[in-house]
Protein backbone atom coordinates (compact mmCIF):
# COMPACT_ATOMS: atom_id res chain seq x y z
CA MET A 1 -0.51 12.46 -36.71
CA ARG A 2 -0.46 11.07 -33.16
CA GLU A 3 -2.77 12.21 -30.37
CA ARG A 4 -1.08 13.88 -27.39
CA GLY A 5 0.19 11.28 -24.94
CA GLU A 6 0.04 8.43 -27.43
CA GLN A 7 3.25 6.36 -27.52
CA PRO A 8 4.81 5.73 -30.96
CA VAL A 9 5.08 2.12 -32.08
CA LYS A 10 8.68 0.93 -32.00
CA GLN A 11 9.72 -0.07 -35.51
CA ARG A 12 12.42 -2.63 -36.19
CA LEU A 13 15.29 -1.22 -38.27
CA PHE A 14 16.42 -4.40 -39.99
CA SER A 15 13.12 -5.51 -41.42
CA LYS A 16 13.16 -7.99 -44.31
CA ASN A 17 12.86 -5.22 -46.90
CA PHE A 18 15.60 -3.04 -45.44
CA THR A 19 17.96 -5.99 -44.87
CA LEU A 20 17.59 -7.03 -48.51
CA LEU A 21 18.17 -3.45 -49.61
CA VAL A 22 21.37 -3.20 -47.54
CA LEU A 23 22.69 -6.53 -48.84
CA GLY A 24 21.95 -5.45 -52.38
CA GLN A 25 23.66 -2.10 -51.90
CA ALA A 26 26.75 -3.79 -50.44
CA SER A 27 27.05 -6.06 -53.48
CA SER A 28 26.29 -3.30 -56.01
CA LEU A 29 28.69 -0.74 -54.51
CA PHE A 30 31.48 -3.30 -54.21
CA GLY A 31 31.00 -4.26 -57.86
CA ASN A 32 31.01 -0.59 -58.89
CA TYR A 33 34.16 0.26 -56.96
CA ILE A 34 36.28 -2.68 -58.17
CA LEU A 35 35.10 -2.05 -61.74
CA ARG A 36 36.02 1.64 -61.76
CA LEU A 37 39.40 0.94 -60.12
CA ALA A 38 40.24 -1.72 -62.71
CA LEU A 39 39.09 0.48 -65.62
CA SER A 40 41.19 3.41 -64.44
CA MET A 41 44.30 1.25 -64.06
CA TYR A 42 43.74 -0.35 -67.47
CA VAL A 43 43.29 2.97 -69.30
CA LEU A 44 46.36 4.45 -67.64
CA GLU A 45 48.43 1.42 -68.58
CA THR A 46 47.25 1.24 -72.20
CA THR A 47 47.17 4.96 -73.03
CA GLY A 48 49.68 6.37 -70.55
CA SER A 49 47.41 9.39 -70.18
CA ALA A 50 45.55 10.41 -67.06
CA THR A 51 43.91 13.15 -69.13
CA VAL A 52 42.12 10.58 -71.31
CA PHE A 53 40.52 8.87 -68.36
CA ALA A 54 39.76 12.15 -66.58
CA GLY A 55 37.99 13.32 -69.73
CA ILE A 56 35.98 10.09 -69.94
CA LEU A 57 34.97 10.41 -66.27
CA SER A 58 33.93 14.04 -66.71
CA ILE A 59 31.76 13.22 -69.73
CA ALA A 60 30.24 10.27 -67.90
CA THR A 61 28.95 12.45 -65.04
CA VAL A 62 26.85 14.64 -67.36
CA PRO A 63 24.01 12.09 -67.96
CA THR A 64 23.60 11.55 -64.22
CA ILE A 65 23.16 15.28 -63.59
CA LEU A 66 20.83 15.85 -66.54
CA LEU A 67 18.70 12.71 -66.20
CA SER A 68 18.31 12.56 -62.40
CA PRO A 69 14.98 14.49 -62.49
CA LEU A 70 13.59 11.92 -64.93
CA GLY A 71 14.86 9.17 -62.65
CA GLY A 72 12.97 10.78 -59.79
CA ILE A 73 9.76 10.92 -61.82
CA LEU A 74 10.08 7.22 -62.70
CA ALA A 75 10.74 6.37 -59.04
CA ASP A 76 7.45 8.04 -58.08
CA ARG A 77 5.39 6.56 -60.92
CA ALA A 78 6.47 2.89 -60.93
CA ASN A 79 7.16 0.13 -58.43
CA ARG A 80 10.56 1.01 -56.94
CA ARG A 81 11.49 -2.63 -56.39
CA ASN A 82 10.98 -3.40 -60.08
CA ILE A 83 13.03 -0.35 -61.08
CA MET A 84 15.99 -1.43 -58.93
CA VAL A 85 15.88 -5.02 -60.20
CA ALA A 86 15.77 -3.88 -63.84
CA LEU A 87 18.55 -1.31 -63.43
CA ASP A 88 20.98 -3.64 -61.67
CA ALA A 89 20.30 -6.38 -64.20
CA LEU A 90 20.95 -3.89 -67.02
CA MET A 91 24.19 -2.78 -65.37
CA GLY A 92 25.35 -6.38 -65.26
CA MET A 93 24.44 -6.86 -68.93
CA PHE A 94 26.26 -3.69 -70.02
CA VAL A 95 29.42 -4.64 -68.15
CA PHE A 96 29.27 -8.19 -69.55
CA GLY A 97 28.83 -6.86 -73.10
CA ALA A 98 31.74 -4.46 -72.65
CA ALA A 99 33.97 -7.27 -71.36
CA VAL A 100 33.16 -9.39 -74.40
CA LEU A 101 33.79 -6.54 -76.87
CA LEU A 102 36.89 -5.12 -75.16
CA SER A 103 40.23 -5.32 -76.93
CA GLY A 104 43.42 -3.27 -76.87
CA GLY A 105 42.49 -1.20 -79.90
CA ASN A 106 38.97 -0.20 -78.90
CA ALA A 107 39.50 0.07 -75.13
CA PRO A 108 38.97 3.85 -74.71
CA ALA A 109 35.78 3.81 -76.83
CA VAL A 110 34.29 0.73 -75.15
CA ILE A 111 35.15 1.97 -71.65
CA GLY A 112 33.79 5.44 -72.46
CA VAL A 113 30.47 4.00 -73.71
CA LEU A 114 30.28 1.71 -70.67
CA LEU A 115 30.82 4.54 -68.19
CA VAL A 116 28.23 6.72 -69.93
CA ALA A 117 25.74 3.82 -69.87
CA LEU A 118 26.38 3.23 -66.17
CA SER A 119 25.97 6.98 -65.56
CA VAL A 120 22.58 6.96 -67.31
CA LEU A 121 21.41 3.98 -65.27
CA GLY A 122 22.78 5.56 -62.08
CA ALA A 123 20.64 8.65 -62.72
CA PHE A 124 17.58 6.43 -62.32
CA GLU A 125 18.91 4.17 -59.55
CA THR A 126 20.13 6.72 -56.99
CA PRO A 127 16.82 8.55 -56.43
CA THR A 128 14.98 5.21 -56.42
CA VAL A 129 17.16 3.75 -53.66
CA GLN A 130 16.95 6.96 -51.62
CA ALA A 131 13.17 7.02 -52.01
CA CYS A 132 12.91 3.39 -50.84
CA ILE A 133 14.38 4.07 -47.40
CA PRO A 134 11.52 6.27 -46.08
CA GLN A 135 9.03 3.91 -47.75
CA MET A 136 10.48 1.03 -45.68
CA LEU A 137 11.16 2.97 -42.46
CA ALA A 138 9.59 5.81 -40.49
CA GLY A 139 10.51 8.51 -37.98
CA ASP A 140 13.99 8.35 -36.47
CA GLN A 141 14.58 4.97 -38.09
CA ILE A 142 14.99 6.84 -41.40
CA ILE A 143 18.11 8.51 -39.96
CA ARG A 144 19.45 5.16 -38.73
CA GLY A 145 18.67 3.59 -42.08
CA ASN A 146 20.54 6.28 -43.97
CA ALA A 147 23.44 5.88 -41.55
CA VAL A 148 23.58 2.13 -42.23
CA VAL A 149 23.52 2.64 -46.01
CA ASN A 150 26.27 5.25 -45.66
CA GLN A 151 28.33 2.82 -43.58
CA VAL A 152 27.94 0.12 -46.21
CA ALA A 153 29.11 2.54 -48.92
CA SER A 154 32.11 3.62 -46.83
CA ILE A 155 33.15 0.07 -45.97
CA SER A 156 32.85 -0.93 -49.63
CA TYR A 157 34.98 2.06 -50.60
CA LEU A 158 37.57 1.04 -48.01
CA ILE A 159 37.77 -2.65 -48.97
CA ALA A 160 37.10 -2.63 -52.72
CA PRO A 161 40.28 -0.76 -53.83
CA LEU A 162 42.49 -3.26 -51.99
CA LEU A 163 40.72 -6.37 -53.29
CA GLY A 164 40.18 -4.84 -56.72
CA SER A 165 43.86 -4.04 -57.15
CA ILE A 166 44.83 -7.57 -56.06
CA LEU A 167 42.34 -9.13 -58.51
CA TYR A 168 43.47 -6.83 -61.32
CA ALA A 169 47.17 -7.53 -60.71
CA ALA A 170 46.57 -11.29 -60.58
CA PHE A 171 44.02 -11.82 -63.36
CA GLY A 172 43.75 -8.64 -65.47
CA LEU A 173 40.79 -6.48 -66.42
CA LYS A 174 38.24 -8.91 -67.85
CA PRO A 175 38.02 -11.22 -64.79
CA VAL A 176 37.43 -8.12 -62.62
CA MET A 177 34.67 -7.05 -65.00
CA TYR A 178 33.06 -10.50 -64.78
CA ALA A 179 33.27 -10.30 -60.96
CA SER A 180 31.50 -6.94 -61.18
CA VAL A 181 28.82 -8.53 -63.38
CA ALA A 182 28.26 -11.17 -60.71
CA CYS A 183 27.89 -8.43 -58.06
CA PHE A 184 25.21 -6.63 -60.09
CA PHE A 185 23.24 -9.83 -60.68
CA VAL A 186 23.50 -10.77 -56.99
CA THR A 187 22.09 -7.33 -56.17
CA ALA A 188 19.19 -7.85 -58.58
CA PHE A 189 18.54 -11.25 -56.97
CA PHE A 190 18.30 -9.75 -53.46
CA GLU A 191 16.04 -6.98 -54.71
CA CYS A 192 13.61 -9.48 -56.25
CA PHE A 193 12.46 -10.40 -52.73
CA ILE A 194 11.78 -6.81 -51.59
CA GLN A 195 8.08 -6.12 -51.25
CA LEU A 196 6.98 -2.56 -52.00
CA GLY A 197 3.52 -1.38 -52.96
CA ASN A 198 2.73 0.10 -56.36
CA PRO A 199 2.10 3.86 -56.64
CA ASP A 200 -1.57 4.61 -56.02
CA ARG A 201 -1.69 7.39 -58.60
CA VAL A 202 -2.60 6.69 -62.22
CA TYR A 203 -2.05 9.54 -64.65
CA PRO A 204 -4.64 9.72 -67.44
CA GLY A 205 -2.71 12.03 -69.79
CA THR A 206 0.30 11.65 -72.07
CA ILE A 207 3.83 10.92 -70.88
CA ARG A 208 4.93 14.40 -71.87
CA SER A 209 2.19 16.08 -69.84
CA MET A 210 2.89 13.74 -66.91
CA VAL A 211 6.59 14.66 -66.90
CA LYS A 212 5.69 18.35 -67.05
CA GLU A 213 3.15 18.09 -64.22
CA ASP A 214 5.49 16.05 -62.01
CA PHE A 215 8.35 18.45 -62.59
CA LEU A 216 6.24 21.51 -61.79
CA SER A 217 4.64 19.91 -58.71
CA SER A 218 8.01 18.93 -57.26
CA VAL A 219 9.51 22.37 -57.93
CA ARG A 220 6.45 24.00 -56.34
CA PHE A 221 6.84 21.70 -53.32
CA ILE A 222 10.46 22.62 -52.57
CA THR A 223 10.16 26.32 -53.40
CA LYS A 224 6.74 27.27 -52.03
CA GLU A 225 5.14 24.49 -49.96
CA GLN A 226 8.32 23.42 -48.16
CA PRO A 227 10.98 26.11 -48.71
CA ASP A 228 12.96 24.61 -45.81
CA VAL A 229 13.69 21.63 -48.06
CA MET A 230 15.25 23.93 -50.66
CA LYS A 231 17.33 25.63 -47.98
CA LEU A 232 18.53 22.25 -46.73
CA LEU A 233 19.43 21.28 -50.29
CA LEU A 234 21.44 24.46 -50.73
CA LEU A 235 23.22 23.99 -47.40
CA ALA A 236 24.09 20.38 -48.33
CA ALA A 237 25.37 21.52 -51.74
CA LEU A 238 27.36 24.39 -50.23
CA SER A 239 29.00 22.13 -47.65
CA ARG A 240 29.81 19.62 -50.39
CA PHE A 241 31.35 22.40 -52.51
CA PHE A 242 33.86 23.24 -49.77
CA VAL A 243 34.47 19.74 -48.40
CA MET A 244 34.87 17.91 -51.71
CA GLY A 245 36.97 20.72 -53.18
CA ILE A 246 39.26 20.77 -50.17
CA THR A 247 39.42 16.96 -49.89
CA LEU A 248 39.70 15.70 -53.47
CA VAL A 249 42.08 18.44 -54.58
CA GLY A 250 43.70 19.46 -51.32
CA ILE A 251 44.82 16.14 -49.87
CA PRO A 252 46.83 14.85 -52.86
CA PHE A 253 48.22 18.35 -53.49
CA LEU A 254 49.25 18.88 -49.87
CA VAL A 255 50.73 15.40 -49.44
CA ARG A 256 52.58 15.03 -52.74
CA VAL A 257 53.40 18.61 -53.78
CA VAL A 258 53.53 20.80 -50.68
CA LEU A 259 54.88 18.24 -48.20
CA GLY A 260 56.77 16.19 -50.82
CA LEU A 261 55.83 12.83 -49.27
CA GLU A 262 55.68 9.45 -50.99
CA ALA A 263 52.54 7.96 -52.55
CA GLN A 264 51.96 5.60 -49.60
CA TYR A 265 51.32 8.61 -47.38
CA TYR A 266 48.54 9.66 -49.72
CA GLY A 267 47.11 6.13 -49.63
CA GLY A 268 47.23 6.24 -45.84
CA ALA A 269 45.35 9.54 -45.80
CA GLU A 270 42.65 8.15 -48.11
CA SER A 271 42.21 5.07 -45.90
CA ALA A 272 41.98 7.26 -42.79
CA LEU A 273 39.27 9.37 -44.45
CA ALA A 274 37.28 6.23 -45.31
CA VAL A 275 37.47 5.12 -41.68
CA ALA A 276 36.41 8.61 -40.54
CA THR A 277 33.37 8.42 -42.83
CA ILE A 278 32.40 5.07 -41.32
CA LEU A 279 32.81 6.43 -37.79
CA GLY A 280 30.75 9.48 -38.72
CA SER A 281 27.97 7.23 -40.00
CA VAL A 282 28.07 5.16 -36.81
CA ALA A 283 27.94 8.36 -34.75
CA ALA A 284 24.93 9.57 -36.76
CA GLY A 285 23.09 6.36 -35.91
CA LEU A 286 23.96 6.68 -32.22
CA LEU A 287 22.95 10.35 -32.14
CA THR A 288 19.51 9.65 -33.60
CA GLY A 289 16.93 10.96 -31.16
CA LYS A 290 19.65 12.74 -29.17
CA LEU A 291 20.99 15.33 -31.59
CA LYS A 292 18.31 17.98 -31.87
CA THR A 293 17.67 19.66 -35.21
CA GLY A 294 18.58 23.04 -33.73
CA ARG A 295 22.12 21.82 -33.05
CA LEU A 296 22.85 20.77 -36.63
CA SER A 297 24.29 24.26 -37.12
CA LEU A 298 27.04 23.31 -34.64
CA VAL A 299 27.83 20.19 -36.68
CA LEU A 300 28.09 22.35 -39.81
CA ALA A 301 30.32 24.84 -37.96
CA ALA A 302 32.47 21.93 -36.71
CA ILE A 303 33.28 21.07 -40.33
CA GLY A 304 34.90 24.48 -40.72
CA ALA A 305 36.54 24.34 -37.30
CA CYS A 306 38.34 21.15 -38.34
CA ILE A 307 39.77 22.77 -41.48
CA ILE A 308 41.42 25.68 -39.61
CA PRO A 309 44.13 23.57 -37.84
CA ALA A 310 45.06 22.03 -41.19
CA GLY A 311 46.04 25.49 -42.41
CA SER A 312 47.38 26.84 -39.12
CA VAL A 313 50.14 24.20 -38.96
CA PHE A 314 51.77 25.80 -42.02
CA LEU A 315 52.17 29.09 -40.12
CA PHE A 316 54.73 27.60 -37.72
CA PRO A 317 58.04 25.79 -38.23
CA SER A 318 57.54 22.02 -38.25
CA ASP A 319 58.63 19.00 -40.26
CA ALA A 320 56.62 17.39 -43.06
CA THR A 321 55.57 14.37 -40.98
CA THR A 322 54.09 16.55 -38.23
CA ARG A 323 52.20 18.66 -40.75
CA TYR A 324 50.98 15.50 -42.45
CA ALA A 325 49.69 14.00 -39.18
CA ILE A 326 47.87 17.21 -38.19
CA ASN A 327 46.33 17.56 -41.65
CA VAL A 328 45.13 13.95 -41.71
CA ALA A 329 43.61 14.32 -38.23
CA ALA A 330 41.92 17.59 -39.23
CA PHE A 331 40.54 16.21 -42.49
CA CYS A 332 39.27 13.10 -40.69
CA GLY A 333 37.41 15.26 -38.20
CA MET A 334 35.93 17.23 -41.10
CA GLN A 335 34.93 14.01 -42.90
CA ALA A 336 33.21 12.59 -39.82
CA ALA A 337 31.32 15.86 -39.28
CA ILE A 338 30.16 16.15 -42.90
CA SER A 339 29.00 12.52 -42.76
CA ILE A 340 26.84 13.25 -39.70
CA PHE A 341 25.47 16.45 -41.22
CA SER A 342 24.68 14.85 -44.60
CA ILE A 343 22.86 11.88 -43.04
CA PHE A 344 20.69 14.11 -40.86
CA ALA A 345 20.04 16.61 -43.67
CA VAL A 346 18.99 13.94 -46.19
CA SER A 347 16.84 12.22 -43.56
CA MET A 348 15.09 15.48 -42.73
CA ILE A 349 14.37 16.07 -46.41
CA GLN A 350 12.95 12.54 -46.70
CA GLN A 351 10.78 13.02 -43.59
CA LYS A 352 9.33 16.28 -44.92
CA THR A 353 8.57 14.89 -48.39
CA PRO A 354 5.37 12.92 -49.16
CA ASN A 355 5.85 9.49 -50.71
CA HIS A 356 4.59 10.52 -54.17
CA LEU A 357 7.31 13.19 -54.41
CA LEU A 358 10.20 11.33 -52.76
CA GLY A 359 11.88 10.16 -55.94
CA LYS A 360 11.85 13.59 -57.55
CA VAL A 361 13.07 15.44 -54.46
CA MET A 362 15.84 12.87 -53.92
CA ALA A 363 16.81 13.33 -57.57
CA TYR A 364 17.18 17.08 -57.00
CA THR A 365 19.28 16.35 -53.90
CA SER A 366 21.59 14.12 -55.92
CA ALA A 367 21.82 16.45 -58.92
CA ILE A 368 22.45 19.64 -56.92
CA THR A 369 25.13 18.12 -54.70
CA MET A 370 26.71 16.44 -57.71
CA CYS A 371 26.96 19.78 -59.53
CA ALA A 372 28.64 21.34 -56.49
CA GLN A 373 31.45 18.77 -56.45
CA PRO A 374 33.17 19.47 -59.81
CA VAL A 375 32.77 23.22 -59.33
CA GLY A 376 34.46 22.92 -55.94
CA GLN A 377 37.27 20.86 -57.44
CA MET A 378 37.89 23.44 -60.17
CA VAL A 379 37.85 26.39 -57.76
CA TYR A 380 40.20 24.75 -55.28
CA GLY A 381 42.45 23.55 -58.08
CA PHE A 382 43.04 27.19 -59.04
CA LEU A 383 43.36 28.29 -55.40
CA PHE A 384 45.93 25.67 -54.43
CA ASP A 385 47.93 26.35 -57.58
CA GLY A 386 47.88 30.08 -56.91
CA PHE A 387 48.80 29.79 -53.22
CA ARG A 388 51.05 26.74 -53.25
CA GLU A 389 53.66 28.62 -51.23
CA ALA A 390 51.06 29.78 -48.69
CA VAL A 391 48.35 27.11 -48.55
CA TYR A 392 47.19 28.45 -45.19
CA LEU A 393 45.61 31.31 -47.17
CA VAL A 394 43.32 28.71 -48.73
CA LEU A 395 42.65 26.45 -45.74
CA ILE A 396 42.13 28.95 -42.91
CA PRO A 397 39.69 31.25 -44.79
CA THR A 398 37.77 28.18 -46.02
CA GLY A 399 37.42 26.93 -42.45
CA ALA A 400 36.31 30.36 -41.27
CA VAL A 401 33.69 30.66 -44.05
CA VAL A 402 32.22 27.21 -43.31
CA CYS A 403 32.14 28.04 -39.58
CA ALA A 404 30.32 31.28 -40.34
CA ILE A 405 27.79 29.47 -42.55
CA GLY A 406 27.09 27.01 -39.74
CA LEU A 407 26.61 29.72 -37.12
CA LEU A 408 24.44 31.83 -39.44
CA ALA A 409 22.23 28.78 -40.06
CA LYS A 410 21.50 28.42 -36.33
CA GLY A 411 18.18 30.30 -36.52
CA PHE A 412 17.07 28.25 -39.53
CA PHE A 413 17.65 24.92 -37.77
CA GLN A 414 16.04 26.12 -34.54
CA ARG A 415 12.95 27.20 -36.49
CA MET A 416 12.81 23.76 -38.12
CA GLU A 417 12.96 22.13 -34.69
CA GLU A 418 10.16 24.34 -33.37
CA ASN A 419 7.98 23.59 -36.41
CA ALA A 420 8.52 19.85 -35.94
CA LEU A 421 7.41 20.11 -32.31
CA ILE A 422 4.27 21.99 -33.34
CA ILE A 423 3.37 19.30 -35.91
CA VAL A 424 3.86 16.48 -33.43
């Protein structure tokens, strides 16, 4: 805690540790994206069934949700640098082994096992990476750091599908898998040079009692000691429920079924959303220190406000191209707003959480938001099917509900801002 009148020390964002982390994340995410693109194309070509791959993907998400709390405990009990190095090296080994074993006859089984293995490792990696950022940075630099990591993920998502599809078309699946292996090992190499201290807590009891104590202490922290963290988690999950449901189900349905446009229009919409996410991340970095906590409710309300025009355009006579353009613009605005809100919300959770609980709390953040996504997709799948002739009855009420949630959360965010001023 600083004394009144004392000036904070200016911290450099791109320190050696953070730069290495960003480079590693860029390599790892690129390898992940090209791998999953190539696997999806291969399964569709060999089986002719989107259901098979959708089933494999659904099963593969279960370990991440279930094991994330254990990943958080490990992130708080061991050296986070060593965890990241080991996990990325293991990912490379698993992908290499799958490439060696893969053949036409066993493809679904090998790919299914690979995706489950990567899901298990991801359950341990995600909370570790998120816990590293506040260990490397402090204060407002945490927000900027999260914005940079989000930008890297968005740029990788924008570039990887294009390069991955070119590599797959030219060389086939296995060379893409070997390229992914190289990305994971490059990531592990960068992470070897990160310097992070070891946890200063040594637990004298058994592993079982340690897991139980860590779980209870983290739950007590977010429910009793810092209930604002739990409320932030729920707001982040709720916003993800609406946004991911509307985006992942709504965009392809609106473009291909309702508007009857060609596949390239859908590809254009996806690219525009990726660019909007990048711009939202850049805006979050620029708004650091300027956007007060009390005004985050307006950002949340803006997400809903952007959805309303997407539905309103279907109330008036207009051609498919006009409706498409308005919907893409509206969804891009929503994507930029949710990117800003998510970065600030996660950063606030990190700032409020002590180092020895960071991994566990970040694991809860990942698990809760991850659970919200498939539920949102299922709900909006039913809604769009039921109101395909009147999609405005899905879009406009959704926008209004999200707006209302944002405005109702105004008091909560203002109280958080006042509490932060009291602490400082």
